[in-house]
N, C-alpha and C. Protein backbone atom coordinates (compact mmCIF):
# COMPACT_ATOMS: atom_id res chain seq x y z
N MET A 1 80.67 109.79 103.39
CA MET A 1 82.02 109.42 102.93
C MET A 1 83.01 110.46 103.43
N THR A 2 84.02 110.02 104.08
CA THR A 2 85.01 110.95 104.62
C THR A 2 86.38 110.61 104.08
N ALA A 3 87.27 111.60 104.18
CA ALA A 3 88.64 111.37 103.72
C ALA A 3 89.30 110.28 104.56
N ALA A 4 89.01 110.27 105.86
CA ALA A 4 89.62 109.27 106.72
C ALA A 4 89.21 107.86 106.33
N ALA A 5 87.97 107.73 105.86
CA ALA A 5 87.49 106.40 105.48
C ALA A 5 88.24 105.84 104.29
N LEU A 6 88.82 106.70 103.47
CA LEU A 6 89.58 106.27 102.30
C LEU A 6 91.07 106.30 102.53
N GLY A 7 91.48 106.51 103.78
CA GLY A 7 92.90 106.59 104.06
C GLY A 7 93.50 107.92 103.71
N MET A 8 92.68 108.96 103.56
CA MET A 8 93.17 110.30 103.25
C MET A 8 93.22 111.10 104.55
N THR A 9 94.28 111.82 104.76
CA THR A 9 94.42 112.60 105.97
C THR A 9 94.82 114.02 105.63
N THR A 10 94.62 114.90 106.58
CA THR A 10 95.04 116.29 106.41
C THR A 10 96.21 116.61 107.32
N THR A 11 96.79 115.58 107.88
CA THR A 11 97.97 115.75 108.72
C THR A 11 99.05 114.84 108.18
N HIS A 12 100.24 114.97 108.76
CA HIS A 12 101.36 114.15 108.34
C HIS A 12 101.57 112.97 109.27
N GLU A 13 100.65 112.77 110.21
CA GLU A 13 100.81 111.66 111.13
C GLU A 13 100.48 110.36 110.43
N PRO A 14 101.32 109.35 110.58
CA PRO A 14 101.04 108.08 109.93
C PRO A 14 99.83 107.39 110.55
N ASN A 15 99.09 106.66 109.72
CA ASN A 15 97.95 105.93 110.24
C ASN A 15 98.42 104.72 111.04
N PRO A 16 97.74 104.41 112.14
CA PRO A 16 98.15 103.23 112.91
C PRO A 16 97.94 101.97 112.10
N THR A 17 98.80 101.02 112.34
CA THR A 17 98.71 99.75 111.63
C THR A 17 98.10 98.72 112.55
N HIS A 18 97.07 98.10 112.09
CA HIS A 18 96.40 97.09 112.90
C HIS A 18 96.80 95.73 112.39
N LYS A 19 97.23 94.91 113.27
CA LYS A 19 97.59 93.56 112.89
C LYS A 19 96.62 92.59 113.53
N THR A 20 96.22 91.64 112.74
CA THR A 20 95.33 90.63 113.27
C THR A 20 95.97 89.28 113.08
N ALA A 21 95.74 88.45 114.03
CA ALA A 21 96.31 87.11 113.97
C ALA A 21 95.18 86.13 113.74
N GLY A 22 95.35 85.29 112.78
CA GLY A 22 94.33 84.29 112.50
C GLY A 22 94.82 82.92 112.92
N SER A 23 93.92 82.06 113.18
CA SER A 23 94.28 80.70 113.55
C SER A 23 94.25 79.82 112.32
N VAL A 24 95.15 78.89 112.29
CA VAL A 24 95.23 77.96 111.17
C VAL A 24 94.72 76.61 111.62
N SER A 25 93.74 76.12 110.91
CA SER A 25 93.17 74.83 111.29
C SER A 25 93.50 73.80 110.23
N SER A 26 93.64 72.58 110.64
CA SER A 26 93.92 71.49 109.69
C SER A 26 92.90 70.38 109.89
N ALA A 27 92.53 69.75 108.79
CA ALA A 27 91.55 68.67 108.86
C ALA A 27 92.14 67.42 108.27
N ARG A 28 91.86 66.33 108.90
CA ARG A 28 92.34 65.05 108.39
C ARG A 28 91.26 64.40 107.55
N SER A 29 91.63 63.91 106.42
CA SER A 29 90.66 63.20 105.58
C SER A 29 90.68 61.73 105.94
N ARG A 30 89.54 61.11 105.93
CA ARG A 30 89.45 59.69 106.30
C ARG A 30 89.86 58.82 105.12
N GLY A 31 90.63 57.81 105.40
CA GLY A 31 91.06 56.89 104.36
C GLY A 31 90.01 55.84 104.09
N GLY A 32 90.16 55.14 102.93
CA GLY A 32 89.23 54.08 102.58
C GLY A 32 89.47 52.85 103.42
N GLY A 33 88.65 51.87 103.27
CA GLY A 33 88.76 50.67 104.07
C GLY A 33 89.70 49.66 103.46
N GLY A 34 90.99 49.87 103.54
CA GLY A 34 91.99 48.90 103.10
C GLY A 34 92.07 48.82 101.60
N GLY A 35 92.23 47.59 101.10
CA GLY A 35 92.42 47.41 99.66
C GLY A 35 91.13 47.14 98.92
N GLY A 36 89.98 47.19 99.57
CA GLY A 36 88.74 46.84 98.90
C GLY A 36 88.13 47.97 98.11
N GLY A 37 88.69 49.18 98.12
CA GLY A 37 88.05 50.32 97.45
C GLY A 37 88.77 50.73 96.20
N GLY A 38 89.40 49.76 95.49
CA GLY A 38 90.21 50.12 94.33
C GLY A 38 89.41 50.76 93.23
N ASP A 39 88.29 50.17 92.84
CA ASP A 39 87.50 50.71 91.73
C ASP A 39 86.91 52.06 92.07
N GLY A 40 86.38 52.18 93.29
CA GLY A 40 85.81 53.45 93.71
C GLY A 40 86.85 54.54 93.75
N GLY A 41 88.08 54.20 94.20
CA GLY A 41 89.15 55.20 94.26
C GLY A 41 89.53 55.69 92.89
N GLY A 42 89.58 54.75 91.91
CA GLY A 42 89.94 55.15 90.55
C GLY A 42 88.91 56.08 89.95
N GLY A 43 87.60 55.75 90.18
CA GLY A 43 86.54 56.62 89.66
C GLY A 43 86.57 57.98 90.30
N GLY A 44 86.87 57.99 91.63
CA GLY A 44 86.94 59.27 92.33
C GLY A 44 88.07 60.12 91.83
N ALA A 45 89.22 59.49 91.53
CA ALA A 45 90.38 60.24 91.02
C ALA A 45 90.08 60.84 89.66
N ALA A 46 89.38 60.06 88.81
CA ALA A 46 89.05 60.57 87.48
C ALA A 46 88.09 61.75 87.58
N ALA A 47 87.10 61.62 88.50
CA ALA A 47 86.15 62.72 88.68
C ALA A 47 86.84 63.96 89.21
N ALA A 48 87.76 63.74 90.16
CA ALA A 48 88.50 64.89 90.72
C ALA A 48 89.33 65.57 89.65
N SER A 49 89.91 64.74 88.74
CA SER A 49 90.71 65.30 87.66
C SER A 49 89.86 66.16 86.73
N ARG A 50 88.64 65.65 86.41
CA ARG A 50 87.74 66.43 85.55
C ARG A 50 87.30 67.73 86.23
N ASP A 51 87.05 67.65 87.54
CA ASP A 51 86.61 68.84 88.27
C ASP A 51 87.72 69.87 88.36
N ALA A 52 88.97 69.40 88.40
CA ALA A 52 90.10 70.31 88.56
C ALA A 52 90.47 71.01 87.27
N LEU A 53 90.04 70.45 86.12
CA LEU A 53 90.43 71.01 84.83
C LEU A 53 90.03 72.47 84.64
N PRO A 54 88.75 72.85 84.88
CA PRO A 54 88.39 74.27 84.72
C PRO A 54 89.19 75.17 85.64
N PHE A 55 89.45 74.70 86.86
CA PHE A 55 90.24 75.50 87.80
C PHE A 55 91.65 75.71 87.27
N SER A 56 92.23 74.61 86.72
CA SER A 56 93.58 74.70 86.18
C SER A 56 93.66 75.68 85.03
N VAL A 57 92.67 75.62 84.13
CA VAL A 57 92.64 76.54 82.99
C VAL A 57 92.49 77.98 83.49
N GLY A 58 91.62 78.18 84.50
CA GLY A 58 91.43 79.52 85.05
C GLY A 58 92.70 80.07 85.65
N VAL A 59 93.45 79.22 86.36
CA VAL A 59 94.72 79.65 86.96
C VAL A 59 95.71 80.04 85.87
N ASP A 60 95.75 79.26 84.79
CA ASP A 60 96.67 79.57 83.68
C ASP A 60 96.33 80.92 83.05
N VAL A 61 95.03 81.19 82.88
CA VAL A 61 94.61 82.46 82.27
C VAL A 61 94.98 83.63 83.18
N ILE A 62 94.70 83.49 84.48
CA ILE A 62 95.02 84.56 85.43
C ILE A 62 96.53 84.79 85.48
N TYR A 63 97.30 83.70 85.47
CA TYR A 63 98.76 83.84 85.50
C TYR A 63 99.26 84.57 84.25
N ALA A 64 98.75 84.15 83.09
CA ALA A 64 99.20 84.76 81.84
C ALA A 64 98.83 86.24 81.78
N ARG A 65 97.68 86.58 82.36
CA ARG A 65 97.20 87.97 82.26
C ARG A 65 97.86 88.89 83.27
N TYR A 66 98.09 88.41 84.50
CA TYR A 66 98.51 89.32 85.56
C TYR A 66 99.90 89.04 86.15
N PHE A 67 100.45 87.86 85.92
CA PHE A 67 101.72 87.54 86.57
C PHE A 67 102.85 87.26 85.59
N SER A 68 102.53 86.81 84.39
CA SER A 68 103.60 86.50 83.45
C SER A 68 104.14 87.79 82.83
N GLY A 69 105.27 87.66 82.19
CA GLY A 69 105.85 88.82 81.52
C GLY A 69 105.50 88.87 80.06
N ALA A 70 104.37 88.25 79.67
CA ALA A 70 103.97 88.23 78.26
C ALA A 70 103.77 89.66 77.75
N THR A 71 104.17 89.89 76.53
CA THR A 71 104.11 91.23 75.95
C THR A 71 102.69 91.75 75.85
N ASN A 72 102.55 93.07 75.96
CA ASN A 72 101.24 93.70 75.85
C ASN A 72 100.75 93.76 74.42
N VAL A 73 101.65 93.98 73.48
CA VAL A 73 101.27 94.13 72.08
C VAL A 73 101.75 92.90 71.30
N PRO A 74 101.09 92.57 70.19
CA PRO A 74 101.47 91.37 69.42
C PRO A 74 102.90 91.46 68.89
N SER A 75 103.59 90.33 68.92
CA SER A 75 104.96 90.31 68.41
C SER A 75 104.98 90.59 66.91
N GLY A 76 103.84 90.37 66.23
CA GLY A 76 103.77 90.65 64.80
C GLY A 76 103.82 92.12 64.47
N TRP A 77 103.72 92.97 65.49
CA TRP A 77 103.78 94.42 65.27
C TRP A 77 105.22 94.95 65.31
N GLU A 78 106.20 94.09 65.37
CA GLU A 78 107.57 94.55 65.57
C GLU A 78 107.99 95.52 64.47
N THR A 79 108.70 96.55 64.89
CA THR A 79 109.17 97.58 63.95
C THR A 79 110.49 97.18 63.29
N ALA A 80 111.20 96.23 63.93
CA ALA A 80 112.43 95.69 63.36
C ALA A 80 112.54 94.25 63.83
N PRO A 81 113.12 93.36 63.02
CA PRO A 81 113.20 91.94 63.37
C PRO A 81 113.86 91.73 64.73
N GLY A 82 113.12 91.06 65.63
CA GLY A 82 113.67 90.73 66.94
C GLY A 82 113.68 91.86 67.95
N GLU A 83 113.19 93.04 67.57
CA GLU A 83 113.25 94.19 68.48
C GLU A 83 111.89 94.58 69.05
N GLY A 84 110.82 93.89 68.64
CA GLY A 84 109.50 94.23 69.15
C GLY A 84 108.96 95.50 68.51
N TYR A 85 107.95 96.05 69.15
CA TYR A 85 107.30 97.26 68.64
C TYR A 85 107.68 98.46 69.51
N LYS A 86 108.40 99.38 68.92
CA LYS A 86 108.87 100.56 69.66
C LYS A 86 108.35 101.82 68.96
N ASN A 87 107.47 102.52 69.67
CA ASN A 87 106.95 103.79 69.17
C ASN A 87 107.41 104.88 70.12
N PRO A 88 108.30 105.78 69.67
CA PRO A 88 108.84 106.79 70.59
C PRO A 88 107.77 107.70 71.18
N TRP A 89 106.70 107.95 70.44
CA TRP A 89 105.66 108.84 70.96
C TRP A 89 104.88 108.18 72.10
N VAL A 90 104.72 106.88 72.02
CA VAL A 90 104.11 106.16 73.14
C VAL A 90 105.01 106.28 74.37
N GLY A 91 106.32 106.17 74.14
CA GLY A 91 107.27 106.30 75.25
C GLY A 91 107.26 107.68 75.86
N PHE A 92 107.28 108.72 75.02
CA PHE A 92 107.27 110.09 75.53
C PHE A 92 105.99 110.38 76.32
N SER A 93 104.85 109.92 75.80
CA SER A 93 103.59 110.17 76.51
C SER A 93 103.54 109.42 77.84
N SER A 94 104.22 108.26 77.91
CA SER A 94 104.29 107.52 79.17
C SER A 94 105.02 108.34 80.24
N LEU A 95 106.05 109.04 79.82
CA LEU A 95 106.84 109.83 80.77
C LEU A 95 106.06 111.02 81.32
N TYR A 96 104.97 111.39 80.66
CA TYR A 96 104.14 112.50 81.15
C TYR A 96 103.48 112.15 82.48
N PHE A 97 103.43 110.85 82.81
CA PHE A 97 102.90 110.45 84.11
C PHE A 97 103.78 110.95 85.26
N ALA A 98 104.96 111.46 84.94
CA ALA A 98 105.81 112.04 85.97
C ALA A 98 105.37 113.44 86.35
N ALA A 99 104.53 114.08 85.53
CA ALA A 99 104.11 115.46 85.78
C ALA A 99 103.46 115.66 87.15
N PRO A 100 102.55 114.76 87.59
CA PRO A 100 101.94 114.96 88.91
C PRO A 100 102.95 114.98 90.06
N ALA A 101 104.12 114.38 89.84
CA ALA A 101 105.13 114.36 90.91
C ALA A 101 105.58 115.77 91.29
N PHE A 102 105.54 116.69 90.32
CA PHE A 102 106.00 118.05 90.59
C PHE A 102 104.95 118.89 91.32
N ALA A 103 103.73 118.36 91.43
CA ALA A 103 102.69 119.04 92.18
C ALA A 103 102.34 118.29 93.46
N ALA A 104 103.10 117.24 93.75
CA ALA A 104 102.77 116.37 94.88
C ALA A 104 103.04 117.06 96.21
N ARG A 105 102.24 116.69 97.20
CA ARG A 105 102.36 117.26 98.54
C ARG A 105 103.52 116.65 99.32
N SER A 106 103.86 115.40 99.01
CA SER A 106 104.90 114.70 99.76
C SER A 106 105.85 113.97 98.82
N ASP A 107 107.01 113.60 99.35
CA ASP A 107 107.97 112.83 98.56
C ASP A 107 107.40 111.47 98.18
N TYR A 108 106.62 110.89 99.08
CA TYR A 108 106.01 109.59 98.81
C TYR A 108 105.09 109.67 97.60
N GLU A 109 104.25 110.70 97.56
CA GLU A 109 103.34 110.90 96.43
C GLU A 109 104.13 111.08 95.13
N ALA A 110 105.19 111.86 95.20
CA ALA A 110 106.01 112.11 94.01
C ALA A 110 106.65 110.81 93.51
N LEU A 111 107.15 109.99 94.43
CA LEU A 111 107.79 108.74 94.03
C LEU A 111 106.81 107.79 93.35
N LEU A 112 105.56 107.78 93.82
CA LEU A 112 104.56 106.91 93.21
C LEU A 112 104.35 107.28 91.73
N TRP A 113 104.26 108.57 91.45
CA TRP A 113 104.04 109.00 90.07
C TRP A 113 105.29 108.81 89.20
N LEU A 114 106.46 109.04 89.76
CA LEU A 114 107.68 108.81 89.00
C LEU A 114 107.82 107.33 88.64
N ALA A 115 107.48 106.47 89.60
CA ALA A 115 107.55 105.03 89.34
C ALA A 115 106.57 104.63 88.24
N LEU A 116 105.38 105.24 88.25
CA LEU A 116 104.38 104.94 87.21
C LEU A 116 104.91 105.33 85.83
N ALA A 117 105.54 106.49 85.74
CA ALA A 117 106.08 106.95 84.45
C ALA A 117 107.15 105.98 83.93
N LEU A 118 108.04 105.56 84.81
CA LEU A 118 109.13 104.68 84.39
C LEU A 118 108.62 103.30 83.99
N ILE A 119 107.71 102.73 84.80
CA ILE A 119 107.17 101.41 84.49
C ILE A 119 106.36 101.44 83.20
N SER A 120 105.58 102.50 83.02
CA SER A 120 104.76 102.62 81.81
C SER A 120 105.63 102.73 80.56
N CYS A 121 106.66 103.55 80.62
CA CYS A 121 107.55 103.71 79.47
C CYS A 121 108.31 102.42 79.19
N TRP A 122 108.75 101.76 80.24
CA TRP A 122 109.48 100.50 80.12
C TRP A 122 108.61 99.43 79.44
N SER A 123 107.33 99.37 79.84
CA SER A 123 106.43 98.35 79.32
C SER A 123 105.92 98.68 77.92
N ASP A 124 105.47 99.92 77.71
CA ASP A 124 104.80 100.27 76.45
C ASP A 124 105.76 100.60 75.31
N CYS A 125 106.96 101.01 75.64
CA CYS A 125 107.89 101.44 74.59
C CYS A 125 109.15 100.59 74.54
N ASP A 126 109.90 100.55 75.62
CA ASP A 126 111.20 99.89 75.60
C ASP A 126 111.10 98.39 75.34
N THR A 127 110.05 97.74 75.91
CA THR A 127 109.91 96.29 75.73
C THR A 127 108.60 95.93 75.03
N GLY A 128 108.02 96.86 74.28
CA GLY A 128 106.79 96.56 73.55
C GLY A 128 107.00 95.44 72.55
N GLY A 129 106.12 94.44 72.55
CA GLY A 129 106.26 93.31 71.64
C GLY A 129 107.26 92.28 72.07
N VAL A 130 107.89 92.47 73.25
CA VAL A 130 108.88 91.53 73.78
C VAL A 130 108.47 91.14 75.19
N ASP A 131 108.57 89.88 75.54
CA ASP A 131 108.23 89.44 76.89
C ASP A 131 109.18 90.06 77.91
N SER A 132 108.63 90.56 79.00
CA SER A 132 109.44 91.19 80.04
C SER A 132 108.64 91.25 81.33
N VAL A 133 109.35 91.20 82.46
CA VAL A 133 108.70 91.27 83.77
C VAL A 133 107.99 92.61 83.96
N CYS A 134 108.42 93.63 83.23
CA CYS A 134 107.81 94.95 83.41
C CYS A 134 106.35 94.97 82.99
N HIS A 135 105.94 94.06 82.09
CA HIS A 135 104.54 94.02 81.69
C HIS A 135 103.66 93.59 82.85
N ALA A 136 104.15 92.62 83.64
CA ALA A 136 103.40 92.19 84.83
C ALA A 136 103.32 93.33 85.84
N LEU A 137 104.42 94.05 86.01
CA LEU A 137 104.42 95.19 86.93
C LEU A 137 103.41 96.25 86.49
N ASP A 138 103.39 96.52 85.20
CA ASP A 138 102.48 97.54 84.67
C ASP A 138 101.02 97.14 84.86
N ARG A 139 100.71 95.85 84.71
CA ARG A 139 99.33 95.39 84.85
C ARG A 139 98.81 95.53 86.28
N TRP A 140 99.71 95.51 87.25
CA TRP A 140 99.29 95.68 88.65
C TRP A 140 99.39 97.13 89.10
N TYR A 141 100.48 97.79 88.75
CA TYR A 141 100.74 99.12 89.29
C TYR A 141 99.85 100.20 88.69
N ALA A 142 99.62 100.14 87.37
CA ALA A 142 98.79 101.17 86.72
C ALA A 142 97.36 101.17 87.26
N PRO A 143 96.68 100.00 87.39
CA PRO A 143 95.33 100.04 87.98
C PRO A 143 95.31 100.55 89.42
N PHE A 144 96.35 100.20 90.19
CA PHE A 144 96.43 100.70 91.57
C PHE A 144 96.47 102.23 91.59
N MET A 145 97.30 102.82 90.74
CA MET A 145 97.41 104.27 90.70
C MET A 145 96.13 104.91 90.16
N PHE A 146 95.46 104.22 89.22
CA PHE A 146 94.21 104.74 88.67
C PHE A 146 93.14 104.82 89.75
N VAL A 147 92.98 103.75 90.52
CA VAL A 147 91.98 103.74 91.59
C VAL A 147 92.34 104.77 92.66
N ARG A 148 93.60 104.82 93.01
CA ARG A 148 94.06 105.75 94.05
C ARG A 148 93.80 107.21 93.66
N ALA A 149 94.13 107.55 92.42
CA ALA A 149 93.94 108.92 91.95
C ALA A 149 92.46 109.29 91.90
N ASN A 150 91.61 108.35 91.49
CA ASN A 150 90.18 108.64 91.40
C ASN A 150 89.54 108.83 92.78
N LEU A 151 89.97 108.05 93.75
CA LEU A 151 89.47 108.23 95.11
C LEU A 151 89.91 109.58 95.67
N LEU A 152 91.15 109.95 95.38
CA LEU A 152 91.64 111.25 95.83
C LEU A 152 90.88 112.38 95.14
N LEU A 153 90.53 112.18 93.86
CA LEU A 153 89.75 113.16 93.12
C LEU A 153 88.38 113.37 93.76
N LEU A 154 87.76 112.28 94.19
CA LEU A 154 86.46 112.38 94.87
C LEU A 154 86.58 113.17 96.17
N VAL A 155 87.64 112.91 96.91
CA VAL A 155 87.81 113.58 98.21
C VAL A 155 88.02 115.08 98.04
N VAL A 156 88.90 115.48 97.14
CA VAL A 156 89.22 116.91 97.01
C VAL A 156 88.07 117.70 96.40
N ASN A 157 87.14 117.00 95.74
CA ASN A 157 85.99 117.69 95.14
C ASN A 157 84.68 117.30 95.83
N TRP A 158 84.77 116.82 97.06
CA TRP A 158 83.58 116.29 97.72
C TRP A 158 82.49 117.34 97.90
N ASN A 159 82.87 118.58 98.06
CA ASN A 159 81.88 119.65 98.25
C ASN A 159 81.54 120.37 96.94
N ARG A 160 82.02 119.82 95.81
CA ARG A 160 81.77 120.47 94.52
C ARG A 160 81.33 119.44 93.48
N HIS A 161 80.24 118.76 93.76
CA HIS A 161 79.70 117.76 92.83
C HIS A 161 80.79 116.76 92.42
N PRO A 162 81.26 115.93 93.34
CA PRO A 162 82.42 115.07 93.08
C PRO A 162 82.24 114.11 91.92
N PHE A 163 81.05 113.53 91.75
CA PHE A 163 80.87 112.54 90.70
C PHE A 163 80.79 113.19 89.32
N VAL A 164 80.37 114.46 89.29
CA VAL A 164 80.41 115.19 88.02
C VAL A 164 81.85 115.37 87.58
N TRP A 165 82.70 115.74 88.54
CA TRP A 165 84.13 115.90 88.24
C TRP A 165 84.72 114.56 87.81
N LEU A 166 84.34 113.50 88.51
CA LEU A 166 84.90 112.19 88.21
C LEU A 166 84.54 111.75 86.78
N VAL A 167 83.26 111.90 86.43
CA VAL A 167 82.82 111.50 85.09
C VAL A 167 83.46 112.37 84.01
N ALA A 168 83.52 113.68 84.27
CA ALA A 168 84.05 114.62 83.27
C ALA A 168 85.53 114.39 83.00
N MET A 169 86.29 114.07 84.04
CA MET A 169 87.73 113.94 83.88
C MET A 169 88.18 112.52 83.55
N VAL A 170 87.43 111.54 84.03
CA VAL A 170 87.88 110.16 83.86
C VAL A 170 87.33 109.52 82.59
N SER A 171 86.10 109.84 82.23
CA SER A 171 85.45 109.17 81.08
C SER A 171 86.25 109.27 79.79
N PRO A 172 86.75 110.46 79.39
CA PRO A 172 87.53 110.52 78.14
C PRO A 172 88.77 109.63 78.17
N ALA A 173 89.45 109.60 79.31
CA ALA A 173 90.65 108.76 79.42
C ALA A 173 90.30 107.29 79.34
N VAL A 174 89.23 106.88 80.02
CA VAL A 174 88.80 105.48 79.98
C VAL A 174 88.36 105.09 78.58
N LEU A 175 87.71 106.00 77.88
CA LEU A 175 87.26 105.73 76.52
C LEU A 175 88.46 105.51 75.59
N ALA A 176 89.48 106.34 75.73
CA ALA A 176 90.69 106.17 74.92
C ALA A 176 91.36 104.84 75.23
N PHE A 177 91.40 104.48 76.51
CA PHE A 177 92.01 103.21 76.90
C PHE A 177 91.21 102.04 76.33
N TYR A 178 89.88 102.16 76.35
CA TYR A 178 89.01 101.11 75.81
C TYR A 178 89.31 100.86 74.33
N TYR A 179 89.45 101.93 73.55
CA TYR A 179 89.70 101.76 72.12
C TYR A 179 91.10 101.21 71.85
N SER A 180 92.06 101.53 72.71
CA SER A 180 93.39 100.95 72.52
C SER A 180 93.37 99.44 72.80
N ILE A 181 92.62 99.04 73.82
CA ILE A 181 92.48 97.61 74.12
C ILE A 181 91.72 96.90 73.00
N LYS A 182 90.76 97.59 72.41
CA LYS A 182 89.99 97.02 71.30
C LYS A 182 90.90 96.66 70.13
N GLU A 183 91.88 97.52 69.84
CA GLU A 183 92.82 97.23 68.77
C GLU A 183 93.69 96.03 69.10
N LEU A 184 94.06 95.89 70.37
CA LEU A 184 94.87 94.74 70.78
C LEU A 184 94.08 93.45 70.62
N LYS A 185 92.79 93.49 70.97
CA LYS A 185 91.97 92.28 70.83
C LYS A 185 91.82 91.87 69.37
N LYS A 186 91.70 92.86 68.50
CA LYS A 186 91.63 92.56 67.06
C LYS A 186 92.92 91.87 66.61
N ALA A 187 94.04 92.38 67.09
CA ALA A 187 95.33 91.83 66.69
C ALA A 187 95.50 90.41 67.20
N ARG A 188 95.08 90.15 68.44
CA ARG A 188 95.23 88.80 68.99
C ARG A 188 94.29 87.82 68.29
N ALA A 189 93.15 88.32 67.82
CA ALA A 189 92.17 87.44 67.18
C ALA A 189 92.64 86.95 65.82
N ASP A 190 93.40 87.77 65.10
CA ASP A 190 93.84 87.35 63.76
C ASP A 190 95.35 87.50 63.59
N GLY A 191 96.09 87.07 64.59
CA GLY A 191 97.55 87.08 64.51
C GLY A 191 98.12 88.46 64.58
N ALA A 192 98.71 88.92 63.48
CA ALA A 192 99.35 90.23 63.45
C ALA A 192 98.41 91.30 62.92
N GLY A 193 97.10 91.07 63.05
CA GLY A 193 96.14 92.05 62.55
C GLY A 193 96.03 93.25 63.46
N GLY A 194 94.88 93.91 63.40
CA GLY A 194 94.74 95.13 64.17
C GLY A 194 95.49 96.26 63.50
N ASN A 195 95.48 97.39 64.11
CA ASN A 195 96.14 98.55 63.54
C ASN A 195 97.05 99.16 64.60
N ARG A 196 98.35 98.98 64.45
CA ARG A 196 99.26 99.43 65.50
C ARG A 196 99.32 100.95 65.60
N GLU A 197 99.14 101.66 64.47
CA GLU A 197 99.15 103.12 64.53
C GLU A 197 97.91 103.63 65.27
N ARG A 198 96.76 102.96 65.04
CA ARG A 198 95.55 103.36 65.74
C ARG A 198 95.67 103.06 67.23
N TRP A 199 96.26 101.89 67.54
CA TRP A 199 96.49 101.56 68.96
C TRP A 199 97.39 102.61 69.60
N ALA A 200 98.47 102.98 68.92
CA ALA A 200 99.40 103.96 69.46
C ALA A 200 98.70 105.30 69.71
N PHE A 201 97.85 105.73 68.78
CA PHE A 201 97.14 107.00 68.94
C PHE A 201 96.26 106.98 70.19
N TYR A 202 95.44 105.93 70.33
CA TYR A 202 94.54 105.86 71.48
C TYR A 202 95.32 105.72 72.79
N HIS A 203 96.43 105.00 72.74
CA HIS A 203 97.21 104.81 73.97
C HIS A 203 97.93 106.10 74.38
N ILE A 204 98.37 106.86 73.40
CA ILE A 204 98.98 108.16 73.70
C ILE A 204 97.95 109.10 74.31
N VAL A 205 96.73 109.11 73.75
CA VAL A 205 95.66 109.94 74.30
C VAL A 205 95.36 109.51 75.74
N TRP A 206 95.33 108.19 75.97
CA TRP A 206 95.10 107.68 77.33
C TRP A 206 96.18 108.18 78.29
N HIS A 207 97.43 108.13 77.87
CA HIS A 207 98.52 108.61 78.72
C HIS A 207 98.37 110.10 79.05
N ILE A 208 98.06 110.89 78.02
CA ILE A 208 97.98 112.34 78.22
C ILE A 208 96.80 112.71 79.11
N LEU A 209 95.64 112.14 78.85
CA LEU A 209 94.46 112.46 79.66
C LEU A 209 94.60 111.94 81.08
N GLY A 210 95.12 110.72 81.21
CA GLY A 210 95.29 110.14 82.54
C GLY A 210 96.27 110.91 83.40
N SER A 211 97.39 111.30 82.82
CA SER A 211 98.39 112.04 83.59
C SER A 211 97.93 113.47 83.87
N THR A 212 97.16 114.07 82.95
CA THR A 212 96.62 115.40 83.21
C THR A 212 95.63 115.37 84.37
N GLY A 213 94.80 114.33 84.40
CA GLY A 213 93.89 114.16 85.54
C GLY A 213 94.65 113.96 86.84
N GLY A 214 95.73 113.19 86.78
CA GLY A 214 96.57 113.00 87.96
C GLY A 214 97.23 114.28 88.42
N LEU A 215 97.66 115.11 87.46
CA LEU A 215 98.28 116.39 87.79
C LEU A 215 97.30 117.30 88.49
N TYR A 216 96.08 117.38 87.95
CA TYR A 216 95.05 118.21 88.57
C TYR A 216 94.73 117.73 89.99
N THR A 217 94.60 116.41 90.14
CA THR A 217 94.22 115.84 91.43
C THR A 217 95.28 116.09 92.49
N THR A 218 96.55 115.87 92.15
CA THR A 218 97.62 116.06 93.13
C THR A 218 97.78 117.55 93.48
N TRP A 219 97.58 118.41 92.50
CA TRP A 219 97.66 119.85 92.76
C TRP A 219 96.54 120.28 93.70
N GLN A 220 95.30 119.81 93.44
CA GLN A 220 94.18 120.13 94.30
C GLN A 220 94.39 119.60 95.72
N ALA A 221 94.90 118.37 95.80
CA ALA A 221 95.15 117.78 97.12
C ALA A 221 96.18 118.60 97.91
N LYS A 222 97.20 119.07 97.20
CA LYS A 222 98.22 119.89 97.86
C LYS A 222 97.64 121.22 98.34
N GLU A 223 96.79 121.83 97.52
CA GLU A 223 96.18 123.10 97.89
C GLU A 223 95.26 122.95 99.11
N MET A 224 94.59 121.81 99.21
CA MET A 224 93.63 121.59 100.29
C MET A 224 94.24 120.91 101.50
N GLY A 225 95.52 120.55 101.40
CA GLY A 225 96.18 119.88 102.52
C GLY A 225 95.75 118.44 102.72
N VAL A 226 95.30 117.79 101.65
CA VAL A 226 94.86 116.39 101.75
C VAL A 226 95.99 115.48 101.29
N GLU A 227 96.22 114.45 102.07
CA GLU A 227 97.30 113.50 101.73
C GLU A 227 96.78 112.08 101.82
N CYS A 228 97.07 111.29 100.82
CA CYS A 228 96.68 109.88 100.80
C CYS A 228 97.79 109.06 101.44
N SER A 229 97.42 108.21 102.39
CA SER A 229 98.42 107.48 103.16
C SER A 229 98.76 106.12 102.55
N TRP A 230 98.20 105.80 101.40
CA TRP A 230 98.51 104.51 100.79
C TRP A 230 98.75 104.66 99.29
């Protein structure tokens, strides 16, 4: 495993961009034999409709989870009527994701972490319990930064038991995130149930541990002259 294989470089030269062109093919479907296939066509349409139902439900679930602006926390957790759930400590801990920006090797790296802090605070605090496009952004951007930071962590510690470092630094943060999600599932299962204070505690711990790991990783990368190009 090399840094280059993960898009990590020790120079400031941009990686070449490879473009590939694919061909688009089209197929014609054969029609039935005139008006004599009425019954068969109706049965085929009904079967196609039944076959499409699971796919349609799957698309709806994926859309609701990753593309819609549905709130992360139950609306029943609102701290004031019509204002959703706003916990200032969750918001403050979200902003801690900006810390790695001050140890970043490049402006690009710094901007990525600043964007994470703003999106996280916007989603978890400012619009908590209220539908907003920022929730969809958070669902895509946070996992991207998580994977990116962990790959960078492996690279900078490759000669010092990298997986030991990965498990030691990432496991506590993932565990805190798991318990925060567990509280959300309880709440969704029984309406406004769950425990919002317990969710807030675990989510704050997740923010602090995750951003601390990011701070360490970006600082190490800067010291070693390693830069991630994506």
